[in-house]
Each structure stands twice: as structure tokens, then as C-alpha cells.
Amino acid sequence: MGIKKQYLTWEEVDSLTDNIASQIRLEFKNVDSIYGIPRGGLIPAVILSHKLGLPYVNAVGPNTLVI
């Protein structure tokens, strides 16, 4: 009945965000910033902003990737 949790190591998080960053580079070339929803998206958004060299922003714009 409960939700099954899956725990990831930081190495797994790093590898998975590398994969996501590669997909973003290929499929979303017009993304110019990243925003992370505070309840779950903030940490991966900051990691991706570093990996992609894009600014993390506090407001969503027309070409902002929302995580």
C-alpha cells in the first residue's frame, strides 16, 4: 500500500544527471536557464545547471527548463 522508496548514491545521482544533461543538449537546444521546483526539483536542477553551464533562475522564462 505504501510507496516503495529507492535510495541512490551520489555516484548514481551524478551518472543519472550526466545522462539527462546529454539528452537536454541534444533535444532542447533553446534552453537558456533552469528552474527547480522547491519540493524535489531543486537539487537536480542545481546539478544540471552546473553540468550544462546554464544559470539557475528564480522565475520561469520562455526558454527555462523546469525540473
C-alpha atoms as a PDB file:
ATOM      1  CA  MET A   1       0.000   0.000   0.000  1.00  0.00           C
ATOM      2  CA  GLY A   2       2.867   2.398   0.740  1.00  0.00           C
ATOM      3  CA  ILE A   3       5.243   3.896  -1.756  1.00  0.00           C
ATOM      4  CA  LYS A   4       8.405   1.874  -2.284  1.00  0.00           C
ATOM      5  CA  LYS A   5      11.455   4.089  -1.870  1.00  0.00           C
ATOM      6  CA  GLN A   6      14.634   3.696  -3.842  1.00  0.00           C
ATOM      7  CA  TYR A   7      17.816   5.168  -2.418  1.00  0.00           C
ATOM      8  CA  LEU A   8      20.584   6.404  -4.719  1.00  0.00           C
ATOM      9  CA  THR A   9      24.235   7.014  -4.003  1.00  0.00           C
ATOM     10  CA  TRP A  10      25.762  10.353  -5.018  1.00  0.00           C
ATOM     11  CA  GLU A  11      27.676   8.462  -7.711  1.00  0.00           C
ATOM     12  CA  GLU A  12      24.388   7.213  -9.147  1.00  0.00           C
ATOM     13  CA  VAL A  13      22.884  10.719  -8.985  1.00  0.00           C
ATOM     14  CA  ASP A  14      25.947  12.076 -10.791  1.00  0.00           C
ATOM     15  CA  SER A  15      25.727   9.421 -13.503  1.00  0.00           C
ATOM     16  CA  LEU A  16      21.986   9.869 -13.992  1.00  0.00           C
ATOM     17  CA  THR A  17      22.261  13.652 -14.222  1.00  0.00           C
ATOM     18  CA  ASP A  18      25.081  13.217 -16.779  1.00  0.00           C
ATOM     19  CA  ASN A  19      22.648  11.165 -18.884  1.00  0.00           C
ATOM     20  CA  ILE A  20      19.892  13.765 -18.512  1.00  0.00           C
ATOM     21  CA  ALA A  21      22.302  16.606 -19.358  1.00  0.00           C
ATOM     22  CA  SER A  22      23.315  14.797 -22.558  1.00  0.00           C
ATOM     23  CA  GLN A  23      19.670  14.388 -23.571  1.00  0.00           C
ATOM     24  CA  ILE A  24      18.944  18.054 -22.840  1.00  0.00           C
ATOM     25  CA  ARG A  25      21.895  19.149 -25.013  1.00  0.00           C
ATOM     26  CA  LEU A  26      20.607  17.040 -27.908  1.00  0.00           C
ATOM     27  CA  GLU A  27      16.867  17.665 -27.685  1.00  0.00           C
ATOM     28  CA  PHE A  28      16.408  21.114 -26.118  1.00  0.00           C
ATOM     29  CA  LYS A  29      18.952  23.419 -27.737  1.00  0.00           C
ATOM     30  CA  ASN A  30      16.983  26.598 -26.942  1.00  0.00           C
ATOM     31  CA  VAL A  31      17.077  26.154 -23.138  1.00  0.00           C
ATOM     32  CA  ASP A  32      18.857  29.152 -21.612  1.00  0.00           C
ATOM     33  CA  SER A  33      18.154  28.721 -17.886  1.00  0.00           C
ATOM     34  CA  ILE A  34      16.971  26.191 -15.315  1.00  0.00           C
ATOM     35  CA  TYR A  35      14.410  26.439 -12.515  1.00  0.00           C
ATOM     36  CA  GLY A  36      13.888  23.790  -9.835  1.00  0.00           C
ATOM     37  CA  ILE A  37      10.586  23.239  -8.073  1.00  0.00           C
ATOM     38  CA  PRO A  38      11.463  23.513  -4.367  1.00  0.00           C
ATOM     39  CA  ARG A  39       9.819  20.230  -3.329  1.00  0.00           C
ATOM     40  CA  GLY A  40      12.007  17.761  -5.198  1.00  0.00           C
ATOM     41  CA  GLY A  41      13.397  19.587  -8.210  1.00  0.00           C
ATOM     42  CA  LEU A  42      15.826  21.963  -6.567  1.00  0.00           C
ATOM     43  CA  ILE A  43      18.810  19.632  -6.111  1.00  0.00           C
ATOM     44  CA  PRO A  44      18.711  18.044  -9.590  1.00  0.00           C
ATOM     45  CA  ALA A  45      18.114  21.481 -11.142  1.00  0.00           C
ATOM     46  CA  VAL A  46      21.212  22.944  -9.492  1.00  0.00           C
ATOM     47  CA  ILE A  47      23.289  19.920 -10.509  1.00  0.00           C
ATOM     48  CA  LEU A  48      22.068  20.220 -14.106  1.00  0.00           C
ATOM     49  CA  SER A  49      22.668  23.959 -14.192  1.00  0.00           C
ATOM     50  CA  HIS A  50      26.315  23.300 -13.293  1.00  0.00           C
ATOM     51  CA  LYS A  51      26.708  20.443 -15.777  1.00  0.00           C
ATOM     52  CA  LEU A  52      25.125  22.452 -18.608  1.00  0.00           C
ATOM     53  CA  GLY A  53      26.706  25.791 -17.729  1.00  0.00           C
ATOM     54  CA  LEU A  54      23.267  27.417 -17.521  1.00  0.00           C
ATOM     55  CA  PRO A  55      22.109  29.844 -14.846  1.00  0.00           C
ATOM     56  CA  TYR A  56      19.737  28.702 -12.133  1.00  0.00           C
ATOM     57  CA  VAL A  57      16.890  31.235 -12.022  1.00  0.00           C
ATOM     58  CA  ASN A  58      14.134  32.084  -9.538  1.00  0.00           C
ATOM     59  CA  ALA A  59      11.500  32.809 -12.191  1.00  0.00           C
ATOM     60  CA  VAL A  60      10.420  30.796 -15.198  1.00  0.00           C
ATOM     61  CA  GLY A  61      11.051  32.434 -18.582  1.00  0.00           C
ATOM     62  CA  PRO A  62      10.120  31.313 -22.113  1.00  0.00           C
ATOM     63  CA  ASN A  63      13.219  29.104 -22.528  1.00  0.00           C
ATOM     64  CA  THR A  64      13.578  27.942 -18.926  1.00  0.00           C
ATOM     65  CA  LEU A  65      13.792  24.224 -18.243  1.00  0.00           C
ATOM     66  CA  VAL A  66      11.631  23.408 -15.205  1.00  0.00           C
ATOM     67  CA  ILE A  67      12.792  20.460 -13.091  1.00  0.00           C
END
